[in-house]
């Protein structure tokens, strides 16, 4: 695993062999598949189980943890797009949903790959230079996952099926950043003075709109939660914009990063750490970087009026 800086790194947990893993012969999106994944916590390697329990109990300083050595099953070539058929077994998907279910409730978002509970993140030539998960030529800017969304996930899980040593996933934790911000900036960040545009993948050609004013920081002033998007968030006045610039500089200055390897699971507390990714050069030869993503909320009831099954269907844009 390649690392970037000497700032606090996510703890690295080495999982023992998952000897009793039994994957049901069911579609990944089937509720019975998710229930079976939830029950699989009984057979998880203790190191994985305990790391997830501790992570849910209290976010670590880095806002993230890495579990290494997880089973992936038999892998075909990397698909050419996130929604292309893969014709693979469901071992990696089951492992990912078992981890997500141990943390909370896995959900999909309709505009993201049709609401798939497990999404394939692979480089595409069409999106190489855009601020989306399938890009490769550009630095993916620091962001809270779905910062604009009223039902954004609490946990982001990234399971690496194929790595690329030049593709560094970057992380920055508010717990690390906060001590380096002036108190006047912190005070502004706690106020409802920031609006966030909608990610382009949620619009499907509709006109973008800014969300209602909200704070960047909230909760305990010593260990707050953070919602931040360096690309899509703006202040409602000059002082708020200055505070965002100060936060952005601190986030960049106190970031760390790692290049995920096959079998690595990165779990991010979406209330604590923002993430991004370095540019890299895919080959488009069938063996490029392949990450599977799952997202989990702590409570399904909050999105009940805007959800079909486990798929959140909130509409954005005009």
Protein backbone atom coordinates (compact mmCIF):
# COMPACT_ATOMS: atom_id res chain seq x y z
CA UNK A 1 0.00 0.00 0.00
CA UNK A 2 1.55 3.30 -1.10
CA UNK A 3 1.15 6.25 1.28
CA UNK A 4 1.31 9.99 0.69
CA UNK A 5 2.14 12.05 3.77
CA UNK A 6 3.03 11.70 7.41
CA UNK A 7 -0.28 13.07 8.72
CA UNK A 8 -2.46 10.65 10.65
CA UNK A 9 -3.12 7.58 8.55
CA UNK A 10 -6.12 5.27 8.77
CA UNK A 11 -5.41 2.27 10.96
CA UNK A 12 -4.61 -0.82 8.91
CA UNK A 13 -6.26 -4.04 10.09
CA UNK A 14 -5.19 -7.39 8.66
CA UNK A 15 -8.13 -9.76 8.31
CA UNK A 16 -7.70 -13.47 8.83
CA UNK A 17 -9.10 -15.89 6.26
CA UNK A 18 -12.90 -15.82 6.02
CA UNK A 19 -13.23 -19.60 6.09
CA UNK A 20 -17.02 -19.86 6.56
CA UNK A 21 -18.04 -17.41 3.85
CA UNK A 22 -21.12 -18.72 2.04
CA UNK A 23 -22.44 -16.52 -0.77
CA UNK A 24 -26.11 -17.07 -1.67
CA UNK A 25 -27.08 -17.59 -5.29
CA UNK A 26 -29.27 -14.47 -5.45
CA UNK A 27 -29.22 -11.13 -7.31
CA UNK A 28 -27.07 -8.55 -5.52
CA UNK A 29 -29.94 -6.10 -5.17
CA UNK A 30 -32.34 -8.67 -3.74
CA UNK A 31 -33.33 -7.96 -0.14
CA UNK A 32 -32.65 -11.61 0.71
CA UNK A 33 -29.03 -11.11 -0.46
CA UNK A 34 -28.69 -8.10 1.87
CA UNK A 35 -30.22 -10.00 4.78
CA UNK A 36 -27.81 -12.87 4.21
CA UNK A 37 -24.94 -10.39 4.15
CA UNK A 38 -26.13 -9.01 7.48
CA UNK A 39 -26.17 -12.48 9.00
CA UNK A 40 -22.65 -13.08 7.68
CA UNK A 41 -21.33 -10.92 10.54
CA UNK A 42 -21.50 -14.13 12.59
CA UNK A 43 -18.76 -15.66 10.43
CA UNK A 44 -16.59 -12.59 9.79
CA UNK A 45 -12.92 -12.78 10.72
CA UNK A 46 -12.77 -11.32 14.24
CA UNK A 47 -10.36 -8.57 13.17
CA UNK A 48 -12.81 -7.34 10.53
CA UNK A 49 -15.84 -7.61 12.80
CA UNK A 50 -14.18 -5.79 15.69
CA UNK A 51 -12.76 -3.05 13.45
CA UNK A 52 -16.24 -2.31 12.10
CA UNK A 53 -17.84 -2.34 15.55
CA UNK A 54 -15.23 0.04 16.94
CA UNK A 55 -15.52 2.28 13.88
CA UNK A 56 -19.29 2.58 14.30
CA UNK A 57 -18.93 3.22 18.03
CA UNK A 58 -16.53 6.15 17.63
CA UNK A 59 -14.92 7.66 14.55
CA UNK A 60 -11.11 7.45 14.74
CA UNK A 61 -8.86 10.49 14.37
CA UNK A 62 -8.31 9.77 10.67
CA UNK A 63 -12.04 9.30 10.03
CA UNK A 64 -11.25 6.09 8.15
CA UNK A 65 -9.95 2.54 8.56
CA UNK A 66 -8.42 0.04 6.12
CA UNK A 67 -8.98 -3.71 6.34
CA UNK A 68 -6.59 -5.77 4.24
CA UNK A 69 -6.71 -9.27 2.81
CA UNK A 70 -10.43 -9.68 2.16
CA UNK A 71 -11.67 -12.34 -0.28
CA UNK A 72 -12.68 -11.15 -3.75
CA UNK A 73 -13.63 -14.33 -5.59
CA UNK A 74 -12.69 -14.99 -9.19
CA UNK A 75 -12.26 -11.77 -11.14
CA UNK A 76 -12.92 -11.30 -14.85
CA UNK A 77 -11.39 -8.40 -16.75
CA UNK A 78 -12.18 -4.90 -15.53
CA UNK A 79 -15.49 -3.79 -17.07
CA UNK A 80 -15.30 -0.92 -19.59
CA UNK A 81 -17.97 1.09 -17.74
CA UNK A 82 -19.66 1.04 -14.33
CA UNK A 83 -22.86 -0.49 -15.67
CA UNK A 84 -21.36 -3.00 -18.12
CA UNK A 85 -22.13 -6.68 -17.34
CA UNK A 86 -19.28 -8.31 -15.41
CA UNK A 87 -20.17 -12.05 -15.41
CA UNK A 88 -18.42 -12.65 -12.12
CA UNK A 89 -19.24 -14.45 -8.92
CA UNK A 90 -20.69 -12.35 -6.09
CA UNK A 91 -18.01 -12.87 -3.46
CA UNK A 92 -16.72 -9.29 -3.41
CA UNK A 93 -20.24 -7.85 -3.47
CA UNK A 94 -21.27 -10.06 -0.56
CA UNK A 95 -18.20 -9.11 1.47
CA UNK A 96 -18.81 -5.43 0.82
CA UNK A 97 -22.48 -5.56 1.78
CA UNK A 98 -21.70 -7.64 4.87
CA UNK A 99 -19.35 -4.88 6.02
CA UNK A 100 -21.88 -2.17 5.14
CA UNK A 101 -24.66 -4.00 6.96
CA UNK A 102 -22.49 -4.31 10.08
CA UNK A 103 -22.13 -0.51 10.08
CA UNK A 104 -25.72 0.36 9.19
CA UNK A 105 -28.14 -0.02 6.30
CA UNK A 106 -26.82 -0.23 2.71
CA UNK A 107 -28.58 2.11 0.28
CA UNK A 108 -28.32 3.07 -3.36
CA UNK A 109 -29.04 6.40 -5.03
CA UNK A 110 -31.10 6.22 -8.19
CA UNK A 111 -28.93 8.62 -10.25
CA UNK A 112 -25.79 6.68 -9.29
CA UNK A 113 -25.65 3.64 -11.58
CA UNK A 114 -29.40 3.19 -11.36
CA UNK A 115 -29.37 2.79 -7.59
CA UNK A 116 -27.13 -0.29 -7.45
CA UNK A 117 -26.22 -1.20 -3.87
CA UNK A 118 -22.75 -2.16 -5.09
CA UNK A 119 -21.28 0.07 -7.77
CA UNK A 120 -18.29 -0.59 -10.00
CA UNK A 121 -15.93 2.38 -10.18
CA UNK A 122 -13.71 2.04 -13.23
CA UNK A 123 -12.01 4.59 -15.47
CA UNK A 124 -13.82 5.59 -18.65
CA UNK A 125 -12.43 7.56 -21.56
CA UNK A 126 -15.56 9.71 -21.82
CA UNK A 127 -15.25 11.01 -18.24
CA UNK A 128 -11.46 11.10 -17.93
CA UNK A 129 -11.23 14.84 -17.23
CA UNK A 130 -14.42 15.42 -15.19
CA UNK A 131 -15.07 15.64 -11.44
CA UNK A 132 -16.74 12.21 -11.28
CA UNK A 133 -15.76 8.81 -9.91
CA UNK A 134 -14.94 7.44 -13.38
CA UNK A 135 -12.36 10.17 -14.12
CA UNK A 136 -8.62 9.58 -14.27
CA UNK A 137 -6.82 12.60 -15.78
CA UNK A 138 -7.79 15.09 -13.08
CA UNK A 139 -7.36 15.43 -9.34
CA UNK A 140 -10.68 14.45 -7.78
CA UNK A 141 -11.25 17.32 -5.36
CA UNK A 142 -11.92 16.81 -1.67
CA UNK A 143 -15.57 16.25 -0.90
CA UNK A 144 -18.07 14.74 1.46
CA UNK A 145 -19.88 12.00 -0.46
CA UNK A 146 -23.17 13.51 -1.74
CA UNK A 147 -22.62 16.69 0.32
CA UNK A 148 -25.69 18.27 -1.29
CA UNK A 149 -28.03 15.39 -0.42
CA UNK A 150 -30.49 15.50 2.53
CA UNK A 151 -30.01 11.72 2.88
CA UNK A 152 -26.28 11.49 2.23
CA UNK A 153 -24.58 8.31 3.45
CA UNK A 154 -22.92 8.12 6.83
CA UNK A 155 -20.41 5.51 5.68
CA UNK A 156 -18.56 5.13 2.40
CA UNK A 157 -17.00 1.72 1.71
CA UNK A 158 -14.49 1.17 -1.09
CA UNK A 159 -13.32 -2.39 -1.81
CA UNK A 160 -10.36 -2.66 -4.18
CA UNK A 161 -10.59 -5.48 -6.71
CA UNK A 162 -7.67 -4.24 -8.82
CA UNK A 163 -5.33 -1.49 -7.76
CA UNK A 164 -3.14 1.05 -9.51
CA UNK A 165 -0.13 2.29 -7.52
CA UNK A 166 -0.42 5.76 -9.08
CA UNK A 167 -4.10 6.17 -8.11
CA UNK A 168 -3.93 7.57 -4.60
CA UNK A 169 -7.14 7.92 -2.61
CA UNK A 170 -6.75 11.11 -0.58
CA UNK A 171 -8.29 11.72 2.84
CA UNK A 172 -8.55 14.64 5.24
CA UNK A 173 -10.18 14.50 8.66
CA UNK A 174 -11.85 17.44 10.39
CA UNK A 175 -10.33 16.13 13.64
CA UNK A 176 -6.87 16.79 12.15
CA UNK A 177 -7.81 20.04 10.41
CA UNK A 178 -9.71 21.81 13.20
CA UNK A 179 -6.71 22.77 15.38
CA UNK A 180 -5.18 24.61 12.43
CA UNK A 181 -8.15 26.90 11.76
CA UNK A 182 -8.49 30.35 13.38
CA UNK A 183 -11.37 30.53 15.86
CA UNK A 184 -13.04 33.23 13.77
CA UNK A 185 -13.11 30.87 10.78
CA UNK A 186 -14.48 28.03 12.89
CA UNK A 187 -17.26 30.29 14.17
CA UNK A 188 -18.31 31.14 10.61
CA UNK A 189 -18.19 27.48 9.52
CA UNK A 190 -20.72 26.63 12.25
CA UNK A 191 -23.25 29.09 10.80
CA UNK A 192 -25.90 28.53 8.09
CA UNK A 193 -23.95 30.48 5.48
CA UNK A 194 -23.04 27.87 2.85
CA UNK A 195 -24.85 26.43 -0.14
CA UNK A 196 -23.95 23.38 -2.21
CA UNK A 197 -24.71 22.67 -5.86
CA UNK A 198 -25.84 19.22 -6.98
CA UNK A 199 -23.37 16.75 -8.44
CA UNK A 200 -23.82 16.53 -12.22
CA UNK A 201 -24.48 12.78 -12.06
CA UNK A 202 -27.75 13.52 -10.21
CA UNK A 203 -29.10 16.01 -12.76
CA UNK A 204 -29.34 14.14 -16.08
CA UNK A 205 -29.39 17.39 -18.03
CA UNK A 206 -31.63 19.33 -15.63
CA UNK A 207 -30.61 22.83 -14.53
CA UNK A 208 -28.48 22.83 -11.40
CA UNK A 209 -29.65 24.60 -8.26
CA UNK A 210 -27.93 25.57 -5.02
CA UNK A 211 -29.23 23.97 -1.85
CA UNK A 212 -30.52 25.88 1.16
CA UNK A 213 -27.96 27.59 3.43
CA UNK A 214 -26.35 25.14 5.85
CA UNK A 215 -23.34 24.99 8.16
CA UNK A 216 -20.13 23.22 7.20
CA UNK A 217 -19.48 22.19 10.81
CA UNK A 218 -22.01 21.12 13.40
CA UNK A 219 -22.27 19.31 16.73
CA UNK A 220 -19.49 19.17 19.33
CA UNK A 221 -17.20 22.16 18.78
CA UNK A 222 -14.21 20.08 19.88
CA UNK A 223 -14.94 17.15 17.54
CA UNK A 224 -17.54 18.35 15.05
CA UNK A 225 -18.99 16.69 12.00
CA UNK A 226 -18.23 18.24 8.62
CA UNK A 227 -20.02 18.52 5.27
CA UNK A 228 -17.68 20.03 2.66
CA UNK A 229 -17.25 19.98 -1.09
CA UNK A 230 -14.37 22.03 -2.47
CA UNK A 231 -15.88 22.00 -5.97
CA UNK A 232 -19.62 22.48 -5.36
CA UNK A 233 -19.89 24.53 -2.13
CA UNK A 234 -19.99 28.33 -1.92
CA UNK A 235 -20.51 30.87 0.84
CA UNK A 236 -23.51 33.18 0.82
CA UNK A 237 -21.28 36.20 1.50
CA UNK A 238 -17.64 37.24 1.27
CA UNK A 239 -16.78 36.28 4.85
CA UNK A 240 -18.25 32.81 4.34
CA UNK A 241 -16.30 32.40 1.10
CA UNK A 242 -13.11 33.39 2.93
CA UNK A 243 -13.86 30.78 5.60
CA UNK A 244 -14.31 28.12 2.90
CA UNK A 245 -10.98 29.04 1.34
CA UNK A 246 -9.29 28.77 4.74
CA UNK A 247 -10.89 25.37 5.32
CA UNK A 248 -9.94 24.17 1.84
CA UNK A 249 -6.30 25.15 2.40
CA UNK A 250 -6.25 23.36 5.77
CA UNK A 251 -7.88 20.26 4.29
CA UNK A 252 -5.26 20.17 1.54
CA UNK A 253 -2.43 20.90 3.95
CA UNK A 254 -3.34 18.15 6.41
CA UNK A 255 -4.35 15.41 3.99
CA UNK A 256 -2.97 11.95 3.67
CA UNK A 257 -3.43 9.31 1.02
CA UNK A 258 -2.99 5.70 0.06
CA UNK A 259 -3.06 3.59 -3.07
CA UNK A 260 -5.50 0.76 -2.48
CA UNK A 261 -4.41 -2.76 -3.35
CA UNK A 262 -6.51 -5.79 -4.23
CA UNK A 263 -8.33 -7.03 -1.13
CA UNK A 264 -8.21 -3.66 0.67
CA UNK A 265 -11.43 -2.28 2.13
CA UNK A 266 -11.38 1.43 2.94
CA UNK A 267 -14.20 2.57 5.24
CA UNK A 268 -14.74 6.33 5.56
CA UNK A 269 -16.91 8.10 8.12
CA UNK A 270 -18.60 10.58 5.77
CA UNK A 271 -19.31 12.92 8.71
CA UNK A 272 -15.64 13.19 9.63
CA UNK A 273 -13.37 12.77 6.59
CA UNK A 274 -13.51 14.14 3.07
CA UNK A 275 -11.88 12.21 0.27
CA UNK A 276 -10.58 12.60 -3.26
CA UNK A 277 -8.18 10.88 -5.66
CA UNK A 278 -5.00 11.69 -7.53
CA UNK A 279 -4.80 11.61 -11.34
CA UNK A 280 -3.58 8.38 -12.90
CA UNK A 281 -3.13 6.86 -16.34
CA UNK A 282 -5.39 3.89 -17.17
CA UNK A 283 -4.44 1.57 -20.01
CA UNK A 284 -7.97 0.47 -20.98
CA UNK A 285 -6.64 -3.05 -21.49
CA UNK A 286 -9.05 -4.94 -19.23
CA UNK A 287 -6.80 -4.75 -16.17
CA UNK A 288 -7.31 -1.19 -14.99
CA UNK A 289 -8.14 -0.10 -11.45
CA UNK A 290 -11.45 -1.54 -10.26
CA UNK A 291 -13.09 -0.38 -7.06
CA UNK A 292 -16.47 -1.48 -5.75
CA UNK A 293 -18.38 1.10 -3.72
CA UNK A 294 -21.16 0.72 -1.19
CA UNK A 295 -22.82 3.35 0.98
CA UNK A 296 -24.67 2.97 4.25
CA UNK A 297 -26.94 5.13 6.38
CA UNK A 298 -27.52 4.63 10.08
CA UNK A 299 -31.33 4.78 9.79
CA UNK A 300 -33.57 3.94 6.83
CA UNK A 301 -36.61 5.71 8.26
CA UNK A 302 -35.24 9.21 7.58
CA UNK A 303 -35.53 8.66 3.80
CA UNK A 304 -38.79 6.67 3.86
CA UNK A 305 -40.71 9.23 1.79
CA UNK A 306 -38.00 9.40 -0.87
CA UNK A 307 -36.99 5.78 -1.18
CA UNK A 308 -38.07 2.66 -3.09
CA UNK A 309 -36.80 -0.33 -1.16
CA UNK A 310 -33.18 0.54 -0.52
CA UNK A 311 -32.91 3.01 -3.42
CA UNK A 312 -33.13 6.71 -2.52
CA UNK A 313 -34.93 8.57 -5.32
CA UNK A 314 -34.71 12.24 -4.26
CA UNK A 315 -35.17 14.53 -7.30
CA UNK A 316 -32.79 17.47 -7.93
CA UNK A 317 -32.68 20.27 -10.45
CA UNK A 318 -35.34 22.06 -12.46
